Amino acid sequence: MRKIAIVTGASRGLGRNTALNIARRGGDVVITFQSKAGEADAVVKEIEALGGRCVALQLDASDMSSVAGFVERVRTVLSTQWQRTTFDHLVNNAGHGDMAMIEHTTEAQFDKLVDVHFKGVFFLTQTLLPLIADGGRIVNVSTGLTRVSYPGFGAYAAVKGAVEVLSVYLAKELGSRGIAVNTVAPGAIETDFLGGVVRDTPDLNQVFAGMTALGRVGVPDDIGPVIASMLGEDHRWINGQRIEVSGGQVI
């Protein structure tokens, strides 16, 4: 039986790459998108072309009032598309970037970061727990900026640090169900993060490349395969860990 994964924020970038790599490894996927329905539909078609099954569902990870409705839609698609009541893997990837020095960070910026990257992850995972099959996997996406600092990312890194702690507690509390929970922490990547600043700003790209032992910044295909592999049986004994995928950033 094919495994089913939910990947949040998978209409583009790292989430899209993760979903495609899950499909390449023989899994089916439910992807979420916030507003880019056309991009999400394109991912569905790509996964179907790989021989997998995929459904795209809208979700605003920062809106707690939408979570219950989302979970009911998940129940429906599991029943109608897969004739199942559970899914196997959850990848909490949805997020956004906001760069500001601590002294200039507004309460609105802070609240949005908490709502998307921590509160949303906490309560979406909590609400989906009854639907995750025993023996399943959860991967929470963090950042290399929880280990090393770069000015302007204080609030962002802090909420990602909270997710890393949450992952450890989830691993402990869900161990009796055989559910492994880990964090994957990418380094600087060329995506749409912060409007594509790393990808589209040559000077900043070179700064991060110079901080990395392998001499370049990452691309989505450096990260997605790692996340997808963490869901497989080959990694069943890895649990409660933070796995940095950064090419050796600041080592």
C-alpha atoms as a PDB file:
ATOM      1  CA  MET A   1       0.000   0.000   0.000  1.00  0.00           C
ATOM      2  CA  ARG A   2       1.350   3.431  -0.953  1.00  0.00           C
ATOM      3  CA  LYS A   3       2.109   5.764   1.921  1.00  0.00           C
ATOM      4  CA  ILE A   4       0.283   9.104   2.086  1.00  0.00           C
ATOM      5  CA  ALA A   5       2.009  12.311   3.158  1.00  0.00           C
ATOM      6  CA  ILE A   6       0.642  15.770   3.871  1.00  0.00           C
ATOM      7  CA  VAL A   7       3.106  18.515   2.909  1.00  0.00           C
ATOM      8  CA  THR A   8       2.113  22.044   3.874  1.00  0.00           C
ATOM      9  CA  GLY A   9       3.095  24.991   1.711  1.00  0.00           C
ATOM     10  CA  ALA A  10       3.872  22.783  -1.285  1.00  0.00           C
ATOM     11  CA  SER A  11       2.762  24.866  -4.256  1.00  0.00           C
ATOM     12  CA  ARG A  12       6.349  25.995  -4.858  1.00  0.00           C
ATOM     13  CA  GLY A  13       9.886  26.046  -3.510  1.00  0.00           C
ATOM     14  CA  LEU A  14      11.020  23.601  -0.884  1.00  0.00           C
ATOM     15  CA  GLY A  15       7.533  22.181  -0.276  1.00  0.00           C
ATOM     16  CA  ARG A  16       7.000  21.466  -3.967  1.00  0.00           C
ATOM     17  CA  ASN A  17      10.372  19.765  -4.214  1.00  0.00           C
ATOM     18  CA  THR A  18       9.627  17.667  -1.142  1.00  0.00           C
ATOM     19  CA  ALA A  19       6.253  16.567  -2.524  1.00  0.00           C
ATOM     20  CA  LEU A  20       7.808  15.581  -5.855  1.00  0.00           C
ATOM     21  CA  ASN A  21      10.535  13.595  -4.138  1.00  0.00           C
ATOM     22  CA  ILE A  22       7.972  11.766  -2.018  1.00  0.00           C
ATOM     23  CA  ALA A  23       6.163  10.819  -5.219  1.00  0.00           C
ATOM     24  CA  ARG A  24       9.426   9.673  -6.839  1.00  0.00           C
ATOM     25  CA  ARG A  25       9.869   7.317  -3.882  1.00  0.00           C
ATOM     26  CA  GLY A  26       6.438   5.794  -4.425  1.00  0.00           C
ATOM     27  CA  GLY A  27       4.307   7.916  -2.069  1.00  0.00           C
ATOM     28  CA  ASP A  28       1.060   9.794  -2.566  1.00  0.00           C
ATOM     29  CA  VAL A  29       0.676  13.367  -1.371  1.00  0.00           C
ATOM     30  CA  VAL A  30      -1.840  15.863  -0.062  1.00  0.00           C
ATOM     31  CA  ILE A  31      -0.341  19.310  -0.588  1.00  0.00           C
ATOM     32  CA  THR A  32      -1.539  22.587   0.858  1.00  0.00           C
ATOM     33  CA  PHE A  33      -1.415  26.057  -0.596  1.00  0.00           C
ATOM     34  CA  GLN A  34      -2.448  29.427   0.764  1.00  0.00           C
ATOM     35  CA  SER A  35      -3.396  31.361  -2.373  1.00  0.00           C
ATOM     36  CA  LYS A  36      -1.494  30.001  -5.402  1.00  0.00           C
ATOM     37  CA  ALA A  37      -4.119  27.531  -6.639  1.00  0.00           C
ATOM     38  CA  GLY A  38      -2.685  27.461 -10.155  1.00  0.00           C
ATOM     39  CA  GLU A  39       0.785  26.586  -8.899  1.00  0.00           C
ATOM     40  CA  ALA A  40      -0.688  23.900  -6.637  1.00  0.00           C
ATOM     41  CA  ASP A  41      -2.603  22.385  -9.555  1.00  0.00           C
ATOM     42  CA  ALA A  42       0.650  22.241 -11.527  1.00  0.00           C
ATOM     43  CA  VAL A  43       2.269  20.250  -8.708  1.00  0.00           C
ATOM     44  CA  VAL A  44      -0.699  17.854  -8.712  1.00  0.00           C
ATOM     45  CA  LYS A  45      -0.188  17.259 -12.425  1.00  0.00           C
ATOM     46  CA  GLU A  46       3.548  16.717 -11.983  1.00  0.00           C
ATOM     47  CA  ILE A  47       2.944  14.099  -9.308  1.00  0.00           C
ATOM     48  CA  GLU A  48       0.287  12.383 -11.387  1.00  0.00           C
ATOM     49  CA  ALA A  49       2.762  12.268 -14.286  1.00  0.00           C
ATOM     50  CA  LEU A  50       5.124  10.400 -11.948  1.00  0.00           C
ATOM     51  CA  GLY A  51       2.427   7.796 -11.358  1.00  0.00           C
ATOM     52  CA  GLY A  52       1.367   9.080  -7.960  1.00  0.00           C
ATOM     53  CA  ARG A  53      -1.854  10.470  -6.605  1.00  0.00           C
ATOM     54  CA  CYS A  54      -2.064  14.016  -5.274  1.00  0.00           C
ATOM     55  CA  VAL A  55      -4.754  16.334  -3.912  1.00  0.00           C
ATOM     56  CA  ALA A  56      -4.293  20.064  -3.273  1.00  0.00           C
ATOM     57  CA  LEU A  57      -6.161  21.685  -0.359  1.00  0.00           C
ATOM     58  CA  GLN A  58      -6.196  25.359   0.632  1.00  0.00           C
ATOM     59  CA  LEU A  59      -4.858  26.166   4.100  1.00  0.00           C
ATOM     60  CA  ASP A  60      -3.794  29.360   5.821  1.00  0.00           C
ATOM     61  CA  ALA A  61      -1.388  28.017   8.434  1.00  0.00           C
ATOM     62  CA  SER A  62      -1.720  31.211  10.480  1.00  0.00           C
ATOM     63  CA  ASP A  63      -5.531  31.056  10.755  1.00  0.00           C
ATOM     64  CA  MET A  64      -6.547  28.746  13.588  1.00  0.00           C
ATOM     65  CA  SER A  65     -10.219  29.055  12.651  1.00  0.00           C
ATOM     66  CA  SER A  66      -9.523  27.285   9.355  1.00  0.00           C
ATOM     67  CA  VAL A  67      -7.757  24.269  10.839  1.00  0.00           C
ATOM     68  CA  ALA A  68     -10.890  22.308  11.812  1.00  0.00           C
ATOM     69  CA  GLY A  69     -12.353  22.728   8.339  1.00  0.00           C
ATOM     70  CA  PHE A  70      -9.076  21.674   6.763  1.00  0.00           C
ATOM     71  CA  VAL A  71      -8.957  18.506   8.838  1.00  0.00           C
ATOM     72  CA  GLU A  72     -12.485  17.608   7.739  1.00  0.00           C
ATOM     73  CA  ARG A  73     -11.449  18.063   4.103  1.00  0.00           C
ATOM     74  CA  VAL A  74      -8.508  15.764   4.787  1.00  0.00           C
ATOM     75  CA  ARG A  75     -10.896  13.155   6.186  1.00  0.00           C
ATOM     76  CA  THR A  76     -13.004  13.446   3.048  1.00  0.00           C
ATOM     77  CA  VAL A  77     -10.169  13.066   0.549  1.00  0.00           C
ATOM     78  CA  LEU A  78      -8.670  10.163   2.490  1.00  0.00           C
ATOM     79  CA  SER A  79     -12.010   8.402   2.254  1.00  0.00           C
ATOM     80  CA  THR A  80     -12.866   9.250  -1.345  1.00  0.00           C
ATOM     81  CA  GLN A  81      -9.416   9.102  -2.941  1.00  0.00           C
ATOM     82  CA  TRP A  82      -7.689   6.390  -0.919  1.00  0.00           C
ATOM     83  CA  GLN A  83     -10.489   4.584   0.959  1.00  0.00           C
ATOM     84  CA  ARG A  84      -8.566   5.180   4.169  1.00  0.00           C
ATOM     85  CA  THR A  85      -9.183   6.892   7.480  1.00  0.00           C
ATOM     86  CA  THR A  86      -5.539   7.732   8.198  1.00  0.00           C
ATOM     87  CA  PHE A  87      -2.427   9.095   6.506  1.00  0.00           C
ATOM     88  CA  ASP A  88       1.199   8.253   7.232  1.00  0.00           C
ATOM     89  CA  HIS A  89       3.454  11.311   7.150  1.00  0.00           C
ATOM     90  CA  LEU A  90       3.195  15.005   7.984  1.00  0.00           C
ATOM     91  CA  VAL A  91       5.716  17.572   6.752  1.00  0.00           C
ATOM     92  CA  ASN A  92       5.211  20.977   8.383  1.00  0.00           C
ATOM     93  CA  ASN A  93       6.880  23.184   5.776  1.00  0.00           C
ATOM     94  CA  ALA A  94       4.550  26.155   5.220  1.00  0.00           C
ATOM     95  CA  GLY A  95       6.120  29.450   6.149  1.00  0.00           C
ATOM     96  CA  HIS A  96       7.230  32.901   5.188  1.00  0.00           C
ATOM     97  CA  GLY A  97      10.231  35.133   5.790  1.00  0.00           C
ATOM     98  CA  ASP A  98      10.399  38.469   7.576  1.00  0.00           C
ATOM     99  CA  MET A  99      13.737  40.154   8.081  1.00  0.00           C
ATOM    100  CA  ALA A 100      14.156  42.934  10.636  1.00  0.00           C
ATOM    101  CA  MET A 101      16.643  43.806  13.327  1.00  0.00           C
ATOM    102  CA  ILE A 102      15.264  43.079  16.795  1.00  0.00           C
ATOM    103  CA  GLU A 103      15.093  46.772  17.668  1.00  0.00           C
ATOM    104  CA  HIS A 104      12.927  47.404  14.580  1.00  0.00           C
ATOM    105  CA  THR A 105      10.698  44.286  14.696  1.00  0.00           C
ATOM    106  CA  THR A 106       7.044  45.237  15.080  1.00  0.00           C
ATOM    107  CA  GLU A 107       4.500  43.341  17.133  1.00  0.00           C
ATOM    108  CA  ALA A 108       2.596  42.591  13.931  1.00  0.00           C
ATOM    109  CA  GLN A 109       5.696  41.036  12.348  1.00  0.00           C
ATOM    110  CA  PHE A 110       6.383  39.026  15.488  1.00  0.00           C
ATOM    111  CA  ASP A 111       2.802  37.784  15.800  1.00  0.00           C
ATOM    112  CA  LYS A 112       2.705  36.705  12.156  1.00  0.00           C
ATOM    113  CA  LEU A 113       5.927  34.735  12.530  1.00  0.00           C
ATOM    114  CA  VAL A 114       4.618  33.020  15.670  1.00  0.00           C
ATOM    115  CA  ASP A 115       1.231  32.284  14.089  1.00  0.00           C
ATOM    116  CA  VAL A 116       2.669  30.755  10.925  1.00  0.00           C
ATOM    117  CA  HIS A 117       5.819  29.032  12.112  1.00  0.00           C
ATOM    118  CA  PHE A 118       4.958  27.919  15.645  1.00  0.00           C
ATOM    119  CA  LYS A 119       1.310  28.250  16.656  1.00  0.00           C
ATOM    120  CA  GLY A 120       0.175  26.961  13.266  1.00  0.00           C
ATOM    121  CA  VAL A 121       2.550  23.998  13.405  1.00  0.00           C
ATOM    122  CA  PHE A 122       1.546  23.190  16.993  1.00  0.00           C
ATOM    123  CA  PHE A 123      -2.214  23.200  16.502  1.00  0.00           C
ATOM    124  CA  LEU A 124      -2.307  21.745  13.001  1.00  0.00           C
ATOM    125  CA  THR A 125      -0.214  18.829  14.215  1.00  0.00           C
ATOM    126  CA  GLN A 126      -2.359  18.469  17.335  1.00  0.00           C
ATOM    127  CA  THR A 127      -5.560  18.394  15.302  1.00  0.00           C
ATOM    128  CA  LEU A 128      -4.193  15.914  12.762  1.00  0.00           C
ATOM    129  CA  LEU A 129      -2.782  13.484  15.352  1.00  0.00           C
ATOM    130  CA  PRO A 130      -5.883  11.240  15.365  1.00  0.00           C
ATOM    131  CA  LEU A 131      -5.519  10.826  11.598  1.00  0.00           C
ATOM    132  CA  ILE A 132      -1.804   9.932  11.582  1.00  0.00           C
ATOM    133  CA  ALA A 133      -1.293   6.190  11.382  1.00  0.00           C
ATOM    134  CA  ASP A 134       0.691   4.498  14.131  1.00  0.00           C
ATOM    135  CA  GLY A 135       4.249   4.051  12.911  1.00  0.00           C
ATOM    136  CA  GLY A 136       4.046   7.287  10.936  1.00  0.00           C
ATOM    137  CA  ARG A 137       6.504  10.143  10.611  1.00  0.00           C
ATOM    138  CA  ILE A 138       6.482  13.895  11.253  1.00  0.00           C
ATOM    139  CA  VAL A 139       9.140  16.235   9.880  1.00  0.00           C
ATOM    140  CA  ASN A 140       9.155  19.871  10.951  1.00  0.00           C
ATOM    141  CA  VAL A 141      11.160  22.276   8.798  1.00  0.00           C
ATOM    142  CA  SER A 142      13.365  24.690  10.715  1.00  0.00           C
ATOM    143  CA  THR A 143      16.416  26.728   9.675  1.00  0.00           C
ATOM    144  CA  GLY A 144      20.182  26.775  10.005  1.00  0.00           C
ATOM    145  CA  LEU A 145      19.713  30.157  11.672  1.00  0.00           C
ATOM    146  CA  THR A 146      18.850  28.459  14.975  1.00  0.00           C
ATOM    147  CA  ARG A 147      22.488  27.327  15.206  1.00  0.00           C
ATOM    148  CA  VAL A 148      24.276  30.355  13.725  1.00  0.00           C
ATOM    149  CA  SER A 149      23.146  33.973  13.701  1.00  0.00           C
ATOM    150  CA  TYR A 150      22.748  36.481  10.893  1.00  0.00           C
ATOM    151  CA  PRO A 151      21.541  40.011  11.684  1.00  0.00           C
ATOM    152  CA  GLY A 152      17.872  40.577  10.952  1.00  0.00           C
ATOM    153  CA  PHE A 153      16.610  37.057  11.557  1.00  0.00           C
ATOM    154  CA  GLY A 154      16.230  37.158  15.345  1.00  0.00           C
ATOM    155  CA  ALA A 155      12.453  36.730  15.553  1.00  0.00           C
ATOM    156  CA  TYR A 156      12.316  34.241  12.683  1.00  0.00           C
ATOM    157  CA  ALA A 157      15.048  32.079  14.166  1.00  0.00           C
ATOM    158  CA  ALA A 158      13.475  32.246  17.629  1.00  0.00           C
ATOM    159  CA  VAL A 159      10.146  30.810  16.485  1.00  0.00           C
ATOM    160  CA  LYS A 160      11.959  28.127  14.498  1.00  0.00           C
ATOM    161  CA  GLY A 161      13.862  27.290  17.673  1.00  0.00           C
ATOM    162  CA  ALA A 162      10.503  26.767  19.363  1.00  0.00           C
ATOM    163  CA  VAL A 163       9.561  24.294  16.632  1.00  0.00           C
ATOM    164  CA  GLU A 164      12.782  22.369  17.241  1.00  0.00           C
ATOM    165  CA  VAL A 165      11.911  22.011  20.931  1.00  0.00           C
ATOM    166  CA  LEU A 166       8.362  21.011  20.010  1.00  0.00           C
ATOM    167  CA  SER A 167       9.751  18.266  17.761  1.00  0.00           C
ATOM    168  CA  VAL A 168      11.620  16.703  20.682  1.00  0.00           C
ATOM    169  CA  TYR A 169       8.518  16.721  22.872  1.00  0.00           C
ATOM    170  CA  LEU A 170       6.377  15.282  20.092  1.00  0.00           C
ATOM    171  CA  ALA A 171       8.942  12.515  19.593  1.00  0.00           C
ATOM    172  CA  LYS A 172       8.721  11.647  23.298  1.00  0.00           C
ATOM    173  CA  GLU A 173       4.947  11.823  23.586  1.00  0.00           C
ATOM    174  CA  LEU A 174       4.211   9.956  20.338  1.00  0.00           C
ATOM    175  CA  GLY A 175       6.840   7.268  20.816  1.00  0.00           C
ATOM    176  CA  SER A 176       4.286   4.838  22.214  1.00  0.00           C
ATOM    177  CA  ARG A 177       2.512   5.003  18.839  1.00  0.00           C
ATOM    178  CA  GLY A 178       5.729   4.346  16.932  1.00  0.00           C
ATOM    179  CA  ILE A 179       5.627   7.829  15.375  1.00  0.00           C
ATOM    180  CA  ALA A 180       9.084   9.342  14.820  1.00  0.00           C
ATOM    181  CA  VAL A 181       9.417  13.136  14.808  1.00  0.00           C
ATOM    182  CA  ASN A 182      12.441  15.028  13.529  1.00  0.00           C
ATOM    183  CA  THR A 183      13.481  18.502  12.428  1.00  0.00           C
ATOM    184  CA  VAL A 184      15.211  19.269   9.144  1.00  0.00           C
ATOM    185  CA  ALA A 185      17.084  22.595   9.235  1.00  0.00           C
ATOM    186  CA  PRO A 186      18.129  23.921   5.810  1.00  0.00           C
ATOM    187  CA  GLY A 187      20.857  26.484   5.335  1.00  0.00           C
ATOM    188  CA  ALA A 188      20.502  29.369   2.883  1.00  0.00           C
ATOM    189  CA  ILE A 189      18.511  28.227  -0.159  1.00  0.00           C
ATOM    190  CA  GLU A 190      17.631  29.753  -3.504  1.00  0.00           C
ATOM    191  CA  THR A 191      13.826  29.894  -3.190  1.00  0.00           C
ATOM    192  CA  ASP A 192      11.087  32.542  -3.023  1.00  0.00           C
ATOM    193  CA  PHE A 193      11.846  33.005   0.689  1.00  0.00           C
ATOM    194  CA  LEU A 194      11.845  36.735   1.518  1.00  0.00           C
ATOM    195  CA  GLY A 195      10.942  37.498  -2.074  1.00  0.00           C
ATOM    196  CA  GLY A 196      13.805  35.394  -3.406  1.00  0.00           C
ATOM    197  CA  VAL A 197      16.452  37.521  -1.700  1.00  0.00           C
ATOM    198  CA  VAL A 198      19.113  34.790  -1.555  1.00  0.00           C
ATOM    199  CA  ARG A 199      18.390  33.655  -5.099  1.00  0.00           C
ATOM    200  CA  ASP A 200      18.112  37.095  -6.709  1.00  0.00           C
ATOM    201  CA  THR A 201      20.646  39.215  -4.798  1.00  0.00           C
ATOM    202  CA  PRO A 202      24.136  38.275  -6.033  1.00  0.00           C
ATOM    203  CA  ASP A 203      25.981  39.976  -3.174  1.00  0.00           C
ATOM    204  CA  LEU A 204      23.932  38.237  -0.474  1.00  0.00           C
ATOM    205  CA  ASN A 205      24.136  34.956  -2.356  1.00  0.00           C
ATOM    206  CA  GLN A 206      27.917  35.219  -2.276  1.00  0.00           C
ATOM    207  CA  VAL A 207      27.946  36.107   1.415  1.00  0.00           C
ATOM    208  CA  PHE A 208      26.109  32.901   2.299  1.00  0.00           C
ATOM    209  CA  ALA A 209      28.139  30.892  -0.212  1.00  0.00           C
ATOM    210  CA  GLY A 210      31.292  32.140   1.512  1.00  0.00           C
ATOM    211  CA  MET A 211      29.945  30.916   4.861  1.00  0.00           C
ATOM    212  CA  THR A 212      29.402  27.413   3.470  1.00  0.00           C
ATOM    213  CA  ALA A 213      32.104  24.746   3.265  1.00  0.00           C
ATOM    214  CA  LEU A 214      30.887  23.505  -0.114  1.00  0.00           C
ATOM    215  CA  GLY A 215      31.130  27.020  -1.512  1.00  0.00           C
ATOM    216  CA  ARG A 216      27.574  27.713  -2.642  1.00  0.00           C
ATOM    217  CA  VAL A 217      24.080  28.214  -1.304  1.00  0.00           C
ATOM    218  CA  GLY A 218      21.539  25.436  -1.484  1.00  0.00           C
ATOM    219  CA  VAL A 219      18.758  24.776  -3.983  1.00  0.00           C
ATOM    220  CA  PRO A 220      15.452  23.001  -3.300  1.00  0.00           C
ATOM    221  CA  ASP A 221      16.780  19.749  -4.736  1.00  0.00           C
ATOM    222  CA  ASP A 222      19.408  19.712  -1.981  1.00  0.00           C
ATOM    223  CA  ILE A 223      16.678  19.628   0.678  1.00  0.00           C
ATOM    224  CA  GLY A 224      13.546  17.933  -0.676  1.00  0.00           C
ATOM    225  CA  PRO A 225      15.190  14.515  -1.157  1.00  0.00           C
ATOM    226  CA  VAL A 226      16.459  14.592   2.445  1.00  0.00           C
ATOM    227  CA  ILE A 227      13.002  15.299   3.854  1.00  0.00           C
ATOM    228  CA  ALA A 228      11.447  12.609   1.664  1.00  0.00           C
ATOM    229  CA  SER A 229      14.080  10.089   2.738  1.00  0.00           C
ATOM    230  CA  MET A 230      13.413  10.866   6.416  1.00  0.00           C
ATOM    231  CA  LEU A 231       9.918   9.461   5.923  1.00  0.00           C
ATOM    232  CA  GLY A 232      11.192   6.079   4.795  1.00  0.00           C
ATOM    233  CA  GLU A 233      11.922   2.878   6.668  1.00  0.00           C
ATOM    234  CA  ASP A 234      15.667   3.318   6.198  1.00  0.00           C
ATOM    235  CA  HIS A 235      15.508   6.100   8.787  1.00  0.00           C
ATOM    236  CA  ARG A 236      13.042   4.513  11.188  1.00  0.00           C
ATOM    237  CA  TRP A 237      15.487   4.686  14.135  1.00  0.00           C
ATOM    238  CA  ILE A 238      16.157   8.431  13.835  1.00  0.00           C
ATOM    239  CA  ASN A 239      13.894  10.215  16.281  1.00  0.00           C
ATOM    240  CA  GLY A 240      13.856  13.542  18.102  1.00  0.00           C
ATOM    241  CA  GLN A 241      16.801  14.856  16.096  1.00  0.00           C
ATOM    242  CA  ARG A 242      17.689  18.142  14.407  1.00  0.00           C
ATOM    243  CA  ILE A 243      19.257  17.378  11.037  1.00  0.00           C
ATOM    244  CA  GLU A 244      20.956  20.344   9.413  1.00  0.00           C
ATOM    245  CA  VAL A 245      21.169  20.295   5.620  1.00  0.00           C
ATOM    246  CA  SER A 246      23.355  23.299   4.834  1.00  0.00           C
ATOM    247  CA  GLY A 247      26.416  22.183   2.900  1.00  0.00           C
ATOM    248  CA  GLY A 248      28.489  22.909   6.000  1.00  0.00           C
ATOM    249  CA  GLN A 249      27.386  26.420   6.876  1.00  0.00           C
ATOM    250  CA  VAL A 250      29.706  28.114   9.395  1.00  0.00           C
ATOM    251  CA  ILE A 251      31.636  25.055  10.516  1.00  0.00           C
END
